PDB file of all heavy atoms in Angstrom:
ATOM      1  N   LEU A   1     -42.777  61.891 -66.432  1.00  0.00           N
ATOM      2  CA  LEU A   1     -41.683  61.372 -67.243  1.00  0.00           C
ATOM      3  C   LEU A   1     -41.227  60.009 -66.740  1.00  0.00           C
ATOM      4  O   LEU A   1     -40.927  59.113 -67.523  1.00  0.00           O
ATOM      5  CB  LEU A   1     -40.517  62.352 -67.241  1.00  0.00           C
ATOM      6  CG  LEU A   1     -40.708  63.620 -68.083  1.00  0.00           C
ATOM      7  CD1 LEU A   1     -39.568  64.593 -67.833  1.00  0.00           C
ATOM      8  CD2 LEU A   1     -40.803  63.283 -69.555  1.00  0.00           C
ATOM      9  N   LEU A   2     -41.176  59.822 -65.424  1.00  0.00           N
ATOM     10  CA  LEU A   2     -40.781  58.535 -64.862  1.00  0.00           C
ATOM     11  C   LEU A   2     -41.790  57.452 -65.228  1.00  0.00           C
ATOM     12  O   LEU A   2     -41.433  56.326 -65.548  1.00  0.00           O
ATOM     13  CB  LEU A   2     -40.639  58.635 -63.346  1.00  0.00           C
ATOM     14  CG  LEU A   2     -39.321  59.223 -62.839  1.00  0.00           C
ATOM     15  CD1 LEU A   2     -39.391  59.504 -61.348  1.00  0.00           C
ATOM     16  CD2 LEU A   2     -38.170  58.287 -63.144  1.00  0.00           C
ATOM     17  N   ARG A   3     -43.074  57.782 -65.169  1.00  0.00           N
ATOM     18  CA  ARG A   3     -44.100  56.802 -65.565  1.00  0.00           C
ATOM     19  C   ARG A   3     -43.962  56.466 -67.041  1.00  0.00           C
ATOM     20  O   ARG A   3     -44.094  55.315 -67.443  1.00  0.00           O
ATOM     21  CB  ARG A   3     -45.499  57.348 -65.260  1.00  0.00           C
ATOM     22  CG  ARG A   3     -45.844  57.344 -63.779  1.00  0.00           C
ATOM     23  CD  ARG A   3     -47.339  57.472 -63.566  1.00  0.00           C
ATOM     24  NE  ARG A   3     -47.855  58.714 -64.112  1.00  0.00           N
ATOM     25  CZ  ARG A   3     -47.914  59.852 -63.431  1.00  0.00           C
ATOM     26  NH1 ARG A   3     -47.482  59.900 -62.180  1.00  0.00           N
ATOM     27  NH2 ARG A   3     -48.405  60.950 -63.981  1.00  0.00           N
ATOM     28  N   TYR A   4     -43.711  57.469 -67.848  1.00  0.00           N
ATOM     29  CA  TYR A   4     -43.501  57.221 -69.280  1.00  0.00           C
ATOM     30  C   TYR A   4     -42.290  56.325 -69.504  1.00  0.00           C
ATOM     31  O   TYR A   4     -42.329  55.360 -70.261  1.00  0.00           O
ATOM     32  CB  TYR A   4     -43.299  58.548 -70.006  1.00  0.00           C
ATOM     33  CG  TYR A   4     -42.617  58.403 -71.350  1.00  0.00           C
ATOM     34  CD1 TYR A   4     -43.303  57.875 -72.440  1.00  0.00           C
ATOM     35  CD2 TYR A   4     -41.282  58.763 -71.524  1.00  0.00           C
ATOM     36  CE1 TYR A   4     -42.685  57.724 -73.668  1.00  0.00           C
ATOM     37  CE2 TYR A   4     -40.654  58.611 -72.741  1.00  0.00           C
ATOM     38  CZ  TYR A   4     -41.362  58.099 -73.812  1.00  0.00           C
ATOM     39  OH  TYR A   4     -40.738  57.941 -75.015  1.00  0.00           O
ATOM     40  N   ALA A   5     -41.193  56.641 -68.813  1.00  0.00           N
ATOM     41  CA  ALA A   5     -39.955  55.904 -69.015  1.00  0.00           C
ATOM     42  C   ALA A   5     -40.091  54.443 -68.617  1.00  0.00           C
ATOM     43  O   ALA A   5     -39.508  53.561 -69.235  1.00  0.00           O
ATOM     44  CB  ALA A   5     -38.827  56.550 -68.217  1.00  0.00           C
ATOM     45  N   CYS A   6     -40.886  54.178 -67.575  1.00  0.00           N
ATOM     46  CA  CYS A   6     -41.070  52.799 -67.119  1.00  0.00           C
ATOM     47  C   CYS A   6     -42.124  52.072 -67.928  1.00  0.00           C
ATOM     48  O   CYS A   6     -42.372  50.888 -67.715  1.00  0.00           O
ATOM     49  CB  CYS A   6     -41.457  52.785 -65.646  1.00  0.00           C
ATOM     50  SG  CYS A   6     -40.062  53.131 -64.555  1.00  0.00           S
ATOM     51  N   GLY A   7     -42.809  52.786 -68.827  1.00  0.00           N
ATOM     52  CA  GLY A   7     -43.820  52.129 -69.643  1.00  0.00           C
ATOM     53  C   GLY A   7     -45.151  52.008 -68.942  1.00  0.00           C
ATOM     54  O   GLY A   7     -46.004  51.229 -69.335  1.00  0.00           O
ATOM     55  N   ALA A   8     -45.356  52.782 -67.856  1.00  0.00           N
ATOM     56  CA  ALA A   8     -46.602  52.660 -67.108  1.00  0.00           C
ATOM     57  C   ALA A   8     -47.751  53.371 -67.794  1.00  0.00           C
ATOM     58  O   ALA A   8     -48.902  53.044 -67.592  1.00  0.00           O
ATOM     59  CB  ALA A   8     -46.427  53.230 -65.696  1.00  0.00           C
ATOM     60  N   THR A   9     -47.448  54.368 -68.638  1.00  0.00           N
ATOM     61  CA  THR A   9     -48.496  55.051 -69.367  1.00  0.00           C
ATOM     62  C   THR A   9     -48.772  54.325 -70.659  1.00  0.00           C
ATOM     63  O   THR A   9     -48.082  53.400 -71.033  1.00  0.00           O
ATOM     64  CB  THR A   9     -48.072  56.497 -69.669  1.00  0.00           C
ATOM     65  OG1 THR A   9     -46.762  56.466 -70.238  1.00  0.00           O
ATOM     66  CG2 THR A   9     -48.027  57.323 -68.403  1.00  0.00           C
ATOM     67  N   ALA A  10     -49.803  54.737 -71.356  1.00  0.00           N
ATOM     68  CA  ALA A  10     -50.204  54.040 -72.578  1.00  0.00           C
ATOM     69  C   ALA A  10     -49.075  53.998 -73.577  1.00  0.00           C
ATOM     70  O   ALA A  10     -48.561  55.020 -73.988  1.00  0.00           O
ATOM     71  CB  ALA A  10     -51.411  54.746 -73.201  1.00  0.00           C
ATOM     72  N   ALA A  11     -48.693  52.802 -73.965  1.00  0.00           N
ATOM     73  CA  ALA A  11     -47.562  52.639 -74.882  1.00  0.00           C
ATOM     74  C   ALA A  11     -48.015  52.067 -76.201  1.00  0.00           C
ATOM     75  O   ALA A  11     -47.230  51.621 -77.005  1.00  0.00           O
ATOM     76  CB  ALA A  11     -46.510  51.723 -74.259  1.00  0.00           C
ATOM     77  N   GLY A  12     -49.314  52.091 -76.426  1.00  0.00           N
ATOM     78  CA  GLY A  12     -49.845  51.439 -77.609  1.00  0.00           C
ATOM     79  C   GLY A  12     -49.821  52.321 -78.824  1.00  0.00           C
ATOM     80  O   GLY A  12     -49.119  53.322 -78.892  1.00  0.00           O
ATOM     81  N   VAL A  13     -50.643  51.984 -79.782  1.00  0.00           N
ATOM     82  CA  VAL A  13     -50.671  52.686 -81.053  1.00  0.00           C
ATOM     83  C   VAL A  13     -51.902  53.574 -81.088  1.00  0.00           C
ATOM     84  O   VAL A  13     -52.991  53.161 -80.705  1.00  0.00           O
ATOM     85  CB  VAL A  13     -50.751  51.671 -82.209  1.00  0.00           C
ATOM     86  CG1 VAL A  13     -50.765  52.390 -83.536  1.00  0.00           C
ATOM     87  CG2 VAL A  13     -49.581  50.714 -82.138  1.00  0.00           C
ATOM     88  N   VAL A  14     -51.743  54.823 -81.514  1.00  0.00           N
ATOM     89  CA  VAL A  14     -52.891  55.708 -81.615  1.00  0.00           C
ATOM     90  C   VAL A  14     -53.822  55.225 -82.709  1.00  0.00           C
ATOM     91  O   VAL A  14     -53.408  54.601 -83.674  1.00  0.00           O
ATOM     92  CB  VAL A  14     -52.442  57.157 -81.913  1.00  0.00           C
ATOM     93  CG1 VAL A  14     -51.702  57.726 -80.727  1.00  0.00           C
ATOM     94  CG2 VAL A  14     -51.562  57.222 -83.145  1.00  0.00           C
ATOM     95  N   ALA A  15     -55.110  55.540 -82.545  1.00  0.00           N
ATOM     96  CA  ALA A  15     -56.095  55.024 -83.484  1.00  0.00           C
ATOM     97  C   ALA A  15     -56.155  55.837 -84.761  1.00  0.00           C
ATOM     98  O   ALA A  15     -56.601  55.360 -85.794  1.00  0.00           O
ATOM     99  CB  ALA A  15     -57.473  55.013 -82.827  1.00  0.00           C
ATOM    100  N   GLY A  16     -55.754  57.071 -84.722  1.00  0.00           N
ATOM    101  CA  GLY A  16     -55.828  57.889 -85.918  1.00  0.00           C
ATOM    102  C   GLY A  16     -55.273  59.266 -85.630  1.00  0.00           C
ATOM    103  O   GLY A  16     -54.799  59.546 -84.527  1.00  0.00           O
ATOM    104  N   PRO A  17     -55.325  60.185 -86.579  1.00  0.00           N
ATOM    105  CA  PRO A  17     -54.751  61.506 -86.374  1.00  0.00           C
ATOM    106  C   PRO A  17     -55.302  62.218 -85.163  1.00  0.00           C
ATOM    107  O   PRO A  17     -54.606  62.975 -84.511  1.00  0.00           O
ATOM    108  CB  PRO A  17     -55.102  62.240 -87.687  1.00  0.00           C
ATOM    109  CG  PRO A  17     -55.256  61.146 -88.696  1.00  0.00           C
ATOM    110  CD  PRO A  17     -55.827  59.987 -87.945  1.00  0.00           C
ATOM    111  N   ALA A  18     -56.591  61.959 -84.813  1.00  0.00           N
ATOM    112  CA  ALA A  18     -57.185  62.649 -83.681  1.00  0.00           C
ATOM    113  C   ALA A  18     -56.498  62.295 -82.378  1.00  0.00           C
ATOM    114  O   ALA A  18     -56.541  63.042 -81.411  1.00  0.00           O
ATOM    115  CB  ALA A  18     -58.672  62.315 -83.581  1.00  0.00           C
ATOM    116  N   GLY A  19     -55.870  61.138 -82.333  1.00  0.00           N
ATOM    117  CA  GLY A  19     -55.224  60.713 -81.100  1.00  0.00           C
ATOM    118  C   GLY A  19     -53.832  61.265 -80.923  1.00  0.00           C
ATOM    119  O   GLY A  19     -53.245  61.141 -79.851  1.00  0.00           O
ATOM    120  N   ALA A  20     -53.284  61.910 -81.943  1.00  0.00           N
ATOM    121  CA  ALA A  20     -51.890  62.315 -81.886  1.00  0.00           C
ATOM    122  C   ALA A  20     -51.650  63.404 -80.850  1.00  0.00           C
ATOM    123  O   ALA A  20     -50.682  63.377 -80.112  1.00  0.00           O
ATOM    124  CB  ALA A  20     -51.431  62.793 -83.269  1.00  0.00           C
ATOM    125  N   GLU A  21     -52.574  64.379 -80.777  1.00  0.00           N
ATOM    126  CA  GLU A  21     -52.360  65.496 -79.873  1.00  0.00           C
ATOM    127  C   GLU A  21     -52.429  65.041 -78.421  1.00  0.00           C
ATOM    128  O   GLU A  21     -51.620  65.441 -77.601  1.00  0.00           O
ATOM    129  CB  GLU A  21     -53.422  66.568 -80.143  1.00  0.00           C
ATOM    130  CG  GLU A  21     -53.185  67.837 -79.352  1.00  0.00           C
ATOM    131  CD  GLU A  21     -54.153  68.915 -79.758  1.00  0.00           C
ATOM    132  OE1 GLU A  21     -54.630  68.872 -80.906  1.00  0.00           O
ATOM    133  OE2 GLU A  21     -54.419  69.794 -78.931  1.00  0.00           O
ATOM    134  N   ALA A  22     -53.393  64.174 -78.099  1.00  0.00           N
ATOM    135  CA  ALA A  22     -53.542  63.699 -76.736  1.00  0.00           C
ATOM    136  C   ALA A  22     -52.435  62.738 -76.343  1.00  0.00           C
ATOM    137  O   ALA A  22     -52.142  62.566 -75.162  1.00  0.00           O
ATOM    138  CB  ALA A  22     -54.895  63.014 -76.567  1.00  0.00           C
ATOM    139  N   GLN A  23     -51.826  62.144 -77.320  1.00  0.00           N
ATOM    140  CA  GLN A  23     -50.833  61.122 -77.030  1.00  0.00           C
ATOM    141  C   GLN A  23     -49.606  61.694 -76.339  1.00  0.00           C
ATOM    142  O   GLN A  23     -49.077  61.112 -75.407  1.00  0.00           O
ATOM    143  CB  GLN A  23     -50.411  60.444 -78.334  1.00  0.00           C
ATOM    144  CG  GLN A  23     -49.529  59.230 -78.122  1.00  0.00           C
ATOM    145  CD  GLN A  23     -49.156  58.617 -79.438  1.00  0.00           C
ATOM    146  OE1 GLN A  23     -49.436  59.177 -80.482  1.00  0.00           O
ATOM    147  NE2 GLN A  23     -48.506  57.494 -79.410  1.00  0.00           N
ATOM    148  N   GLY A  24     -49.139  62.831 -76.785  1.00  0.00           N
ATOM    149  CA  GLY A  24     -48.028  63.506 -76.150  1.00  0.00           C
ATOM    150  C   GLY A  24     -46.778  62.656 -76.042  1.00  0.00           C
ATOM    151  O   GLY A  24     -46.485  61.849 -76.905  1.00  0.00           O
ATOM    152  N   LEU A  25     -46.073  62.823 -74.928  1.00  0.00           N
ATOM    153  CA  LEU A  25     -44.819  62.102 -74.721  1.00  0.00           C
ATOM    154  C   LEU A  25     -45.039  60.638 -74.431  1.00  0.00           C
ATOM    155  O   LEU A  25     -44.149  59.830 -74.610  1.00  0.00           O
ATOM    156  CB  LEU A  25     -44.061  62.730 -73.547  1.00  0.00           C
ATOM    157  CG  LEU A  25     -43.525  64.137 -73.742  1.00  0.00           C
ATOM    158  CD1 LEU A  25     -42.942  64.642 -72.434  1.00  0.00           C
ATOM    159  CD2 LEU A  25     -42.461  64.152 -74.831  1.00  0.00           C
ATOM    160  N   ALA A  26     -46.249  60.276 -73.945  1.00  0.00           N
ATOM    161  CA  ALA A  26     -46.442  58.929 -73.417  1.00  0.00           C
ATOM    162  C   ALA A  26     -46.883  57.924 -74.459  1.00  0.00           C
ATOM    163  O   ALA A  26     -47.126  56.785 -74.143  1.00  0.00           O
ATOM    164  CB  ALA A  26     -47.487  58.972 -72.299  1.00  0.00           C
TER     165      ALA A  26
END
């Protein structure tokens, strides 16, 4: 959660519906 909050994890745009599940909170 701290990595997510600081923007250290992937903050970009998912490529399509298949990426939604893996994207999670980050």
